[in-house]
PDB file of N, CA and C in Angstrom:
ATOM      1  N   MET A   1       7.818  14.193  26.936  1.00  0.00           N
ATOM      2  CA  MET A   1       7.666  12.776  26.901  1.00  0.00           C
ATOM      3  C   MET A   1       6.129  12.519  26.926  1.00  0.00           C
ATOM      4  N   PRO A   2       5.528  12.210  25.814  1.00  0.00           N
ATOM      5  CA  PRO A   2       4.007  11.951  25.854  1.00  0.00           C
ATOM      6  C   PRO A   2       3.836  10.577  26.490  1.00  0.00           C
ATOM      7  N   THR A   3       2.741  10.504  27.147  1.00  0.00           N
ATOM      8  CA  THR A   3       2.231   9.292  27.782  1.00  0.00           C
ATOM      9  C   THR A   3       0.847   9.062  27.251  1.00  0.00           C
ATOM     10  N   PHE A   4       0.581   7.824  26.715  1.00  0.00           N
ATOM     11  CA  PHE A   4      -0.666   7.536  26.074  1.00  0.00           C
ATOM     12  C   PHE A   4      -1.517   6.791  27.160  1.00  0.00           C
ATOM     13  N   SER A   5      -2.709   7.312  27.359  1.00  0.00           N
ATOM     14  CA  SER A   5      -3.625   6.649  28.295  1.00  0.00           C
ATOM     15  C   SER A   5      -4.478   5.662  27.449  1.00  0.00           C
ATOM     16  N   THR A   6      -5.058   4.741  28.102  1.00  0.00           N
ATOM     17  CA  THR A   6      -5.979   3.768  27.523  1.00  0.00           C
ATOM     18  C   THR A   6      -7.175   4.518  26.903  1.00  0.00           C
ATOM     19  N   ASP A   7      -7.577   5.676  27.531  1.00  0.00           N
ATOM     20  CA  ASP A   7      -8.689   6.413  26.970  1.00  0.00           C
ATOM     21  C   ASP A   7      -8.340   7.009  25.652  1.00  0.00           C
ATOM     22  N   GLU A   8      -7.099   7.524  25.502  1.00  0.00           N
ATOM     23  CA  GLU A   8      -6.693   8.071  24.235  1.00  0.00           C
ATOM     24  C   GLU A   8      -6.614   7.049  23.140  1.00  0.00           C
ATOM     25  N   VAL A   9      -6.071   5.805  23.554  1.00  0.00           N
ATOM     26  CA  VAL A   9      -5.988   4.737  22.598  1.00  0.00           C
ATOM     27  C   VAL A   9      -7.400   4.274  22.195  1.00  0.00           C
ATOM     28  N   ALA A  10      -8.308   4.210  23.155  1.00  0.00           N
ATOM     29  CA  ALA A  10      -9.679   3.746  22.894  1.00  0.00           C
ATOM     30  C   ALA A  10     -10.376   4.857  22.002  1.00  0.00           C
ATOM     31  N   ARG A  11     -10.104   6.097  22.114  1.00  0.00           N
ATOM     32  CA  ARG A  11     -10.699   7.147  21.280  1.00  0.00           C
ATOM     33  C   ARG A  11     -10.180   6.941  19.861  1.00  0.00           C
ATOM     34  N   VAL A  12      -8.946   6.804  19.658  1.00  0.00           N
ATOM     35  CA  VAL A  12      -8.380   6.540  18.289  1.00  0.00           C
ATOM     36  C   VAL A  12      -8.917   5.292  17.670  1.00  0.00           C
ATOM     37  N   ALA A  13      -9.005   4.226  18.471  1.00  0.00           N
ATOM     38  CA  ALA A  13      -9.538   3.037  18.030  1.00  0.00           C
ATOM     39  C   ALA A  13     -11.061   3.164  17.558  1.00  0.00           C
ATOM     40  N   ALA A  14     -11.701   3.912  18.284  1.00  0.00           N
ATOM     41  CA  ALA A  14     -13.208   4.210  17.992  1.00  0.00           C
ATOM     42  C   ALA A  14     -13.256   5.044  16.743  1.00  0.00           C
ATOM     43  N   LEU A  15     -12.408   5.928  16.461  1.00  0.00           N
ATOM     44  CA  LEU A  15     -12.414   6.725  15.279  1.00  0.00           C
ATOM     45  C   LEU A  15     -12.067   5.848  14.049  1.00  0.00           C
ATOM     46  N   ALA A  16     -11.223   4.835  14.284  1.00  0.00           N
ATOM     47  CA  ALA A  16     -10.808   3.956  13.219  1.00  0.00           C
ATOM     48  C   ALA A  16     -11.848   2.785  13.116  1.00  0.00           C
ATOM     49  N   ARG A  17     -12.780   2.773  14.021  1.00  0.00           N
ATOM     50  CA  ARG A  17     -13.769   1.697  14.108  1.00  0.00           C
ATOM     51  C   ARG A  17     -13.246   0.313  14.260  1.00  0.00           C
ATOM     52  N   ILE A  18     -12.299   0.370  15.318  1.00  0.00           N
ATOM     53  CA  ILE A  18     -11.642  -0.857  15.775  1.00  0.00           C
ATOM     54  C   ILE A  18     -12.041  -1.211  17.149  1.00  0.00           C
ATOM     55  N   ASP A  19     -12.642  -2.354  17.363  1.00  0.00           N
ATOM     56  CA  ASP A  19     -13.100  -2.685  18.684  1.00  0.00           C
ATOM     57  C   ASP A  19     -11.988  -3.396  19.396  1.00  0.00           C
ATOM     58  N   LEU A  20     -11.500  -2.838  20.513  1.00  0.00           N
ATOM     59  CA  LEU A  20     -10.423  -3.438  21.292  1.00  0.00           C
ATOM     60  C   LEU A  20     -10.832  -3.766  22.682  1.00  0.00           C
ATOM     61  N   GLU A  21     -10.246  -4.858  23.119  1.00  0.00           N
ATOM     62  CA  GLU A  21     -10.533  -5.286  24.536  1.00  0.00           C
ATOM     63  C   GLU A  21      -9.605  -4.474  25.438  1.00  0.00           C
ATOM     64  N   PRO A  22     -10.003  -4.402  26.830  1.00  0.00           N
ATOM     65  CA  PRO A  22      -9.151  -3.539  27.680  1.00  0.00           C
ATOM     66  C   PRO A  22      -7.736  -4.019  27.667  1.00  0.00           C
ATOM     67  N   ALA A  23      -7.401  -5.299  27.666  1.00  0.00           N
ATOM     68  CA  ALA A  23      -6.024  -5.760  27.645  1.00  0.00           C
ATOM     69  C   ALA A  23      -5.312  -5.249  26.355  1.00  0.00           C
ATOM     70  N   GLU A  24      -6.019  -5.160  25.254  1.00  0.00           N
ATOM     71  CA  GLU A  24      -5.387  -4.744  24.001  1.00  0.00           C
ATOM     72  C   GLU A  24      -5.170  -3.220  24.146  1.00  0.00           C
ATOM     73  N   LEU A  25      -6.039  -2.421  24.757  1.00  0.00           N
ATOM     74  CA  LEU A  25      -5.829  -1.029  24.944  1.00  0.00           C
ATOM     75  C   LEU A  25      -4.552  -0.783  25.800  1.00  0.00           C
ATOM     76  N   GLU A  26      -4.417  -1.501  26.857  1.00  0.00           N
ATOM     77  CA  GLU A  26      -3.187  -1.455  27.656  1.00  0.00           C
ATOM     78  C   GLU A  26      -1.881  -1.689  26.911  1.00  0.00           C
ATOM     79  N   ARG A  27      -1.873  -2.789  26.139  1.00  0.00           N
ATOM     80  CA  ARG A  27      -0.732  -3.232  25.383  1.00  0.00           C
ATOM     81  C   ARG A  27      -0.417  -2.200  24.274  1.00  0.00           C
ATOM     82  N   LEU A  28      -1.420  -1.656  23.598  1.00  0.00           N
ATOM     83  CA  LEU A  28      -1.168  -0.732  22.525  1.00  0.00           C
ATOM     84  C   LEU A  28      -0.752   0.635  23.126  1.00  0.00           C
ATOM     85  N   ALA A  29      -1.229   1.004  24.199  1.00  0.00           N
ATOM     86  CA  ALA A  29      -0.679   2.220  24.835  1.00  0.00           C
ATOM     87  C   ALA A  29       0.804   2.173  25.103  1.00  0.00           C
ATOM     88  N   GLY A  30       1.238   1.048  25.625  1.00  0.00           N
ATOM     89  CA  GLY A  30       2.613   0.777  25.801  1.00  0.00           C
ATOM     90  C   GLY A  30       3.450   0.734  24.510  1.00  0.00           C
ATOM     91  N   GLU A  31       2.901   0.122  23.492  1.00  0.00           N
ATOM     92  CA  GLU A  31       3.622   0.098  22.172  1.00  0.00           C
ATOM     93  C   GLU A  31       3.668   1.410  21.557  1.00  0.00           C
ATOM     94  N   LEU A  32       2.605   2.250  21.634  1.00  0.00           N
ATOM     95  CA  LEU A  32       2.742   3.584  21.084  1.00  0.00           C
ATOM     96  C   LEU A  32       3.790   4.442  21.754  1.00  0.00           C
ATOM     97  N   GLU A  33       3.887   4.191  23.174  1.00  0.00           N
ATOM     98  CA  GLU A  33       4.936   4.860  23.901  1.00  0.00           C
ATOM     99  C   GLU A  33       6.372   4.582  23.337  1.00  0.00           C
ATOM    100  N   VAL A  34       6.592   3.285  23.014  1.00  0.00           N
ATOM    101  CA  VAL A  34       7.895   2.853  22.421  1.00  0.00           C
ATOM    102  C   VAL A  34       8.135   3.516  21.124  1.00  0.00           C
ATOM    103  N   ILE A  35       7.036   3.572  20.207  1.00  0.00           N
ATOM    104  CA  ILE A  35       7.240   4.153  18.927  1.00  0.00           C
ATOM    105  C   ILE A  35       7.567   5.591  19.056  1.00  0.00           C
ATOM    106  N   VAL A  36       6.879   6.320  19.890  1.00  0.00           N
ATOM    107  CA  VAL A  36       7.088   7.792  20.026  1.00  0.00           C
ATOM    108  C   VAL A  36       8.539   8.015  20.478  1.00  0.00           C
ATOM    109  N   HIS A  37       8.962   7.241  21.456  1.00  0.00           N
ATOM    110  CA  HIS A  37      10.362   7.325  21.998  1.00  0.00           C
ATOM    111  C   HIS A  37      11.342   7.088  20.902  1.00  0.00           C
ATOM    112  N   ALA A  38      11.125   6.086  20.030  1.00  0.00           N
ATOM    113  CA  ALA A  38      12.044   5.816  18.891  1.00  0.00           C
ATOM    114  C   ALA A  38      12.038   6.986  17.899  1.00  0.00           C
ATOM    115  N   VAL A  39      10.973   7.585  17.602  1.00  0.00           N
ATOM    116  CA  VAL A  39      10.894   8.762  16.775  1.00  0.00           C
ATOM    117  C   VAL A  39      11.680   9.866  17.348  1.00  0.00           C
ATOM    118  N   GLU A  40      11.563  10.133  18.677  1.00  0.00           N
ATOM    119  CA  GLU A  40      12.156  11.180  19.404  1.00  0.00           C
ATOM    120  C   GLU A  40      13.695  10.983  19.252  1.00  0.00           C
ATOM    121  N   ARG A  41      14.192   9.769  19.442  1.00  0.00           N
ATOM    122  CA  ARG A  41      15.661   9.464  19.357  1.00  0.00           C
ATOM    123  C   ARG A  41      16.150   9.759  17.904  1.00  0.00           C
ATOM    124  N   VAL A  42      15.394   9.415  16.875  1.00  0.00           N
ATOM    125  CA  VAL A  42      15.866   9.650  15.524  1.00  0.00           C
ATOM    126  C   VAL A  42      15.814  11.141  15.238  1.00  0.00           C
ATOM    127  N   SER A  43      14.932  11.845  15.799  1.00  0.00           N
ATOM    128  CA  SER A  43      14.783  13.327  15.618  1.00  0.00           C
ATOM    129  C   SER A  43      15.959  14.048  16.312  1.00  0.00           C
ATOM    130  N   GLU A  44      16.442  13.506  17.384  1.00  0.00           N
ATOM    131  CA  GLU A  44      17.625  14.057  18.011  1.00  0.00           C
ATOM    132  C   GLU A  44      18.811  13.982  17.182  1.00  0.00           C
ATOM    133  N   ALA A  45      19.020  13.022  16.384  1.00  0.00           N
ATOM    134  CA  ALA A  45      20.125  12.659  15.633  1.00  0.00           C
ATOM    135  C   ALA A  45      20.182  13.565  14.288  1.00  0.00           C
ATOM    136  N   VAL A  46      19.001  14.068  13.927  1.00  0.00           N
ATOM    137  CA  VAL A  46      18.882  14.841  12.745  1.00  0.00           C
ATOM    138  C   VAL A  46      19.138  16.272  13.045  1.00  0.00           C
ATOM    139  N   GLY A  47      20.034  16.931  12.275  1.00  0.00           N
ATOM    140  CA  GLY A  47      20.332  18.360  12.525  1.00  0.00           C
ATOM    141  C   GLY A  47      19.539  19.255  11.557  1.00  0.00           C
ATOM    142  N   ASP A  48      19.625  20.511  11.788  1.00  0.00           N
ATOM    143  CA  ASP A  48      18.886  21.451  10.910  1.00  0.00           C
ATOM    144  C   ASP A  48      19.357  21.415   9.462  1.00  0.00           C
ATOM    145  N   ASP A  49      20.653  21.002   9.286  1.00  0.00           N
ATOM    146  CA  ASP A  49      21.218  21.012   7.929  1.00  0.00           C
ATOM    147  C   ASP A  49      21.020  19.660   7.217  1.00  0.00           C
ATOM    148  N   THR A  50      20.296  18.744   7.871  1.00  0.00           N
ATOM    149  CA  THR A  50      20.096  17.416   7.247  1.00  0.00           C
ATOM    150  C   THR A  50      18.865  17.516   6.312  1.00  0.00           C
ATOM    151  N   PRO A  51      19.017  17.189   5.059  1.00  0.00           N
ATOM    152  CA  PRO A  51      17.983  17.268   4.139  1.00  0.00           C
ATOM    153  C   PRO A  51      16.967  16.107   4.304  1.00  0.00           C
ATOM    154  N   ALA A  52      15.742  16.361   4.103  1.00  0.00           N
ATOM    155  CA  ALA A  52      14.736  15.308   4.249  1.00  0.00           C
ATOM    156  C   ALA A  52      14.945  14.302   3.096  1.00  0.00           C
ATOM    157  N   THR A  53      14.742  13.000   3.410  1.00  0.00           N
ATOM    158  CA  THR A  53      14.971  11.970   2.390  1.00  0.00           C
ATOM    159  C   THR A  53      13.740  11.026   2.447  1.00  0.00           C
ATOM    160  N   SER A  54      13.496  10.284   1.391  1.00  0.00           N
ATOM    161  CA  SER A  54      12.521   9.263   1.387  1.00  0.00           C
ATOM    162  C   SER A  54      13.143   7.932   1.264  1.00  0.00           C
ATOM    163  N   HIS A  55      14.397   7.853   1.014  1.00  0.00           N
ATOM    164  CA  HIS A  55      15.141   6.589   0.845  1.00  0.00           C
ATOM    165  C   HIS A  55      16.601   6.811   1.280  1.00  0.00           C
ATOM    166  N   PRO A  56      17.202   5.898   1.981  1.00  0.00           N
ATOM    167  CA  PRO A  56      18.563   6.135   2.533  1.00  0.00           C
ATOM    168  C   PRO A  56      19.555   6.035   1.351  1.00  0.00           C
ATOM    169  N   ILE A  57      19.327   5.467   0.274  1.00  0.00           N
ATOM    170  CA  ILE A  57      20.272   5.354  -0.823  1.00  0.00           C
ATOM    171  C   ILE A  57      19.681   6.077  -2.069  1.00  0.00           C
ATOM    172  N   PRO A  58      20.494   6.961  -2.642  1.00  0.00           N
ATOM    173  CA  PRO A  58      19.936   7.664  -3.816  1.00  0.00           C
ATOM    174  C   PRO A  58      19.548   6.677  -4.943  1.00  0.00           C
ATOM    175  N   LEU A  59      18.356   6.886  -5.520  1.00  0.00           N
ATOM    176  CA  LEU A  59      17.869   6.034  -6.570  1.00  0.00           C
ATOM    177  C   LEU A  59      17.599   6.842  -7.735  1.00  0.00           C
ATOM    178  N   ALA A  60      17.749   6.158  -8.939  1.00  0.00           N
ATOM    179  CA  ALA A  60      17.376   6.783 -10.188  1.00  0.00           C
ATOM    180  C   ALA A  60      16.655   5.711 -10.992  1.00  0.00           C
ATOM    181  N   ASN A  61      15.638   6.181 -11.738  1.00  0.00           N
ATOM    182  CA  ASN A  61      14.849   5.252 -12.553  1.00  0.00           C
ATOM    183  C   ASN A  61      15.694   4.919 -13.824  1.00  0.00           C
ATOM    184  N   VAL A  62      15.632   3.723 -14.210  1.00  0.00           N
ATOM    185  CA  VAL A  62      16.327   3.256 -15.421  1.00  0.00           C
ATOM    186  C   VAL A  62      15.182   2.936 -16.411  1.00  0.00           C
ATOM    187  N   PHE A  63      15.272   3.659 -17.522  1.00  0.00           N
ATOM    188  CA  PHE A  63      14.149   3.446 -18.569  1.00  0.00           C
ATOM    189  C   PHE A  63      14.838   2.909 -19.804  1.00  0.00           C
ATOM    190  N   ARG A  64      14.205   1.964 -20.485  1.00  0.00           N
ATOM    191  CA  ARG A  64      14.659   1.528 -21.805  1.00  0.00           C
ATOM    192  C   ARG A  64      13.979   2.280 -22.835  1.00  0.00           C
ATOM    193  N   GLU A  65      14.626   2.336 -23.998  1.00  0.00           N
ATOM    194  CA  GLU A  65      14.019   3.000 -25.116  1.00  0.00           C
ATOM    195  C   GLU A  65      12.771   2.176 -25.588  1.00  0.00           C
ATOM    196  N   ASP A  66      11.672   2.884 -25.967  1.00  0.00           N
ATOM    197  CA  ASP A  66      10.548   2.218 -26.490  1.00  0.00           C
ATOM    198  C   ASP A  66      10.819   1.806 -27.902  1.00  0.00           C
ATOM    199  N   VAL A  67      10.685   0.540 -28.189  1.00  0.00           N
ATOM    200  CA  VAL A  67      10.868  -0.021 -29.593  1.00  0.00           C
ATOM    201  C   VAL A  67       9.557  -0.520 -30.036  1.00  0.00           C
ATOM    202  N   VAL A  68       9.183   0.014 -31.174  1.00  0.00           N
ATOM    203  CA  VAL A  68       7.970  -0.483 -31.836  1.00  0.00           C
ATOM    204  C   VAL A  68       8.225  -1.802 -32.397  1.00  0.00           C
ATOM    205  N   GLU A  69       7.478  -2.862 -32.136  1.00  0.00           N
ATOM    206  CA  GLU A  69       7.500  -4.160 -32.604  1.00  0.00           C
ATOM    207  C   GLU A  69       6.234  -4.671 -33.060  1.00  0.00           C
ATOM    208  N   PRO A  70       6.163  -5.494 -34.024  1.00  0.00           N
ATOM    209  CA  PRO A  70       4.839  -6.106 -34.354  1.00  0.00           C
ATOM    210  C   PRO A  70       4.183  -6.768 -33.275  1.00  0.00           C
ATOM    211  N   SER A  71       2.855  -6.610 -33.106  1.00  0.00           N
ATOM    212  CA  SER A  71       2.147  -7.314 -32.068  1.00  0.00           C
ATOM    213  C   SER A  71       1.686  -8.710 -32.518  1.00  0.00           C
ATOM    214  N   LEU A  72       1.200  -9.460 -31.561  1.00  0.00           N
ATOM    215  CA  LEU A  72       0.741 -10.790 -31.875  1.00  0.00           C
ATOM    216  C   LEU A  72      -0.471 -10.652 -32.819  1.00  0.00           C
ATOM    217  N   PRO A  73      -0.535 -11.414 -33.894  1.00  0.00           N
ATOM    218  CA  PRO A  73      -1.659 -11.357 -34.762  1.00  0.00           C
ATOM    219  C   PRO A  73      -2.951 -11.842 -33.995  1.00  0.00           C
ATOM    220  N   ALA A  74      -4.047 -11.163 -34.347  1.00  0.00           N
ATOM    221  CA  ALA A  74      -5.319 -11.462 -33.675  1.00  0.00           C
ATOM    222  C   ALA A  74      -5.706 -12.945 -33.743  1.00  0.00           C
ATOM    223  N   GLN A  75      -5.505 -13.541 -34.969  1.00  0.00           N
ATOM    224  CA  GLN A  75      -5.864 -14.930 -35.066  1.00  0.00           C
ATOM    225  C   GLN A  75      -5.045 -15.814 -34.180  1.00  0.00           C
ATOM    226  N   ASP A  76      -3.742 -15.462 -33.947  1.00  0.00           N
ATOM    227  CA  ASP A  76      -2.949 -16.337 -33.095  1.00  0.00           C
ATOM    228  C   ASP A  76      -3.462 -16.131 -31.596  1.00  0.00           C
ATOM    229  N   ALA A  77      -3.800 -14.966 -31.240  1.00  0.00           N
ATOM    230  CA  ALA A  77      -4.315 -14.807 -29.871  1.00  0.00           C
ATOM    231  C   ALA A  77      -5.640 -15.466 -29.685  1.00  0.00           C
ATOM    232  N   LEU A  78      -6.518 -15.340 -30.689  1.00  0.00           N
ATOM    233  CA  LEU A  78      -7.807 -16.034 -30.630  1.00  0.00           C
ATOM    234  C   LEU A  78      -7.677 -17.586 -30.620  1.00  0.00           C
ATOM    235  N   ALA A  79      -6.632 -18.108 -31.289  1.00  0.00           N
ATOM    236  CA  ALA A  79      -6.399 -19.546 -31.327  1.00  0.00           C
ATOM    237  C   ALA A  79      -6.294 -20.152 -29.920  1.00  0.00           C
ATOM    238  N   ALA A  80      -5.761 -19.355 -29.014  1.00  0.00           N
ATOM    239  CA  ALA A  80      -5.481 -19.907 -27.700  1.00  0.00           C
ATOM    240  C   ALA A  80      -6.776 -19.716 -26.775  1.00  0.00           C
ATOM    241  N   ALA A  81      -7.826 -18.938 -27.264  1.00  0.00           N
ATOM    242  CA  ALA A  81      -8.965 -18.652 -26.459  1.00  0.00           C
ATOM    243  C   ALA A  81      -9.929 -19.835 -26.492  1.00  0.00           C
ATOM    244  N   PRO A  82     -10.610 -20.068 -25.360  1.00  0.00           N
ATOM    245  CA  PRO A  82     -11.656 -21.134 -25.380  1.00  0.00           C
ATOM    246  C   PRO A  82     -12.753 -20.899 -26.335  1.00  0.00           C
ATOM    247  N   ALA A  83     -13.107 -19.710 -26.604  1.00  0.00           N
ATOM    248  CA  ALA A  83     -14.111 -19.381 -27.671  1.00  0.00           C
ATOM    249  C   ALA A  83     -13.904 -18.059 -28.272  1.00  0.00           C
ATOM    250  N   SER A  84     -14.306 -17.831 -29.472  1.00  0.00           N
ATOM    251  CA  SER A  84     -14.237 -16.543 -30.194  1.00  0.00           C
ATOM    252  C   SER A  84     -15.364 -16.472 -31.221  1.00  0.00           C
ATOM    253  N   GLU A  85     -15.684 -15.230 -31.509  1.00  0.00           N
ATOM    254  CA  GLU A  85     -16.680 -14.958 -32.453  1.00  0.00           C
ATOM    255  C   GLU A  85     -16.454 -13.595 -33.124  1.00  0.00           C
ATOM    256  N   ASP A  86     -16.466 -13.533 -34.492  1.00  0.00           N
ATOM    257  CA  ASP A  86     -16.311 -12.330 -35.221  1.00  0.00           C
ATOM    258  C   ASP A  86     -14.962 -11.624 -34.879  1.00  0.00           C
ATOM    259  N   GLY A  87     -13.874 -12.398 -34.715  1.00  0.00           N
ATOM    260  CA  GLY A  87     -12.626 -11.876 -34.413  1.00  0.00           C
ATOM    261  C   GLY A  87     -12.382 -11.343 -33.096  1.00  0.00           C
ATOM    262  N   ARG A  88     -13.275 -11.696 -32.125  1.00  0.00           N
ATOM    263  CA  ARG A  88     -13.164 -11.209 -30.737  1.00  0.00           C
ATOM    264  C   ARG A  88     -13.259 -12.421 -29.783  1.00  0.00           C
ATOM    265  N   PHE A  89     -12.789 -12.203 -28.475  1.00  0.00           N
ATOM    266  CA  PHE A  89     -12.976 -13.211 -27.541  1.00  0.00           C
ATOM    267  C   PHE A  89     -14.450 -13.322 -27.139  1.00  0.00           C
ATOM    268  N   LEU A  90     -14.901 -14.547 -26.955  1.00  0.00           N
ATOM    269  CA  LEU A  90     -16.300 -14.799 -26.574  1.00  0.00           C
ATOM    270  C   LEU A  90     -16.256 -15.186 -25.074  1.00  0.00           C
ATOM    271  N   VAL A  91     -16.921 -14.443 -24.290  1.00  0.00           N
ATOM    272  CA  VAL A  91     -17.002 -14.694 -22.905  1.00  0.00           C
ATOM    273  C   VAL A  91     -18.465 -14.912 -22.455  1.00  0.00           C
ATOM    274  N   PRO A  92     -18.725 -15.608 -21.267  1.00  0.00           N
ATOM    275  CA  PRO A  92     -20.040 -15.813 -20.861  1.00  0.00           C
ATOM    276  C   PRO A  92     -20.653 -14.442 -20.400  1.00  0.00           C
ATOM    277  N   GLN A  93     -21.924 -14.238 -20.645  1.00  0.00           N
ATOM    278  CA  GLN A  93     -22.595 -13.027 -20.171  1.00  0.00           C
ATOM    279  C   GLN A  93     -22.810 -13.165 -18.639  1.00  0.00           C
ATOM    280  N   ILE A  94     -22.483 -12.039 -17.954  1.00  0.00           N
ATOM    281  CA  ILE A  94     -22.609 -12.035 -16.508  1.00  0.00           C
ATOM    282  C   ILE A  94     -23.488 -11.070 -15.898  1.00  0.00           C
ATOM    283  N   LEU A  95     -24.008 -10.074 -16.700  1.00  0.00           N
ATOM    284  CA  LEU A  95     -24.782  -8.986 -16.097  1.00  0.00           C
ATOM    285  C   LEU A  95     -26.288  -9.105 -16.452  1.00  0.00           C
ATOM    286  N   GLY A  96     -26.640 -10.163 -17.204  1.00  0.00           N
ATOM    287  CA  GLY A  96     -28.034 -10.334 -17.526  1.00  0.00           C
ATOM    288  C   GLY A  96     -28.641  -9.371 -18.511  1.00  0.00           C
ATOM    289  N   GLU A  97     -27.769  -8.728 -19.273  1.00  0.00           N
ATOM    290  CA  GLU A  97     -28.250  -7.747 -20.259  1.00  0.00           C
ATOM    291  C   GLU A  97     -28.120  -8.397 -21.647  1.00  0.00           C
ATOM    292  N   ASP A  98     -28.901  -7.777 -22.570  1.00  0.00           N
ATOM    293  CA  ASP A  98     -28.831  -8.233 -23.947  1.00  0.00           C
ATOM    294  C   ASP A  98     -27.598  -7.691 -24.767  1.00  0.00           C
TER     295      ASP A  98
END
């Protein structure tokens, strides 16, 4: 049964660059204790013959067939644009380059 001290929580918080108040260290030490006990209980229920899973329900990807269809004509797409030039979208310059 691991017991987390506030010093251990403070060390982990420092590694993660998280500044915690003393009251937060106390609270988190207790919360980590609860989490570890919950993991221990789940581990007790799992036998050596239990396969590892990432999801409780088997899933399968459903893919649709790729169907080649005509795309939107460039002039239709550019008709909805605020500005265009030479068959391209015209956008404001943002990098200060020529």
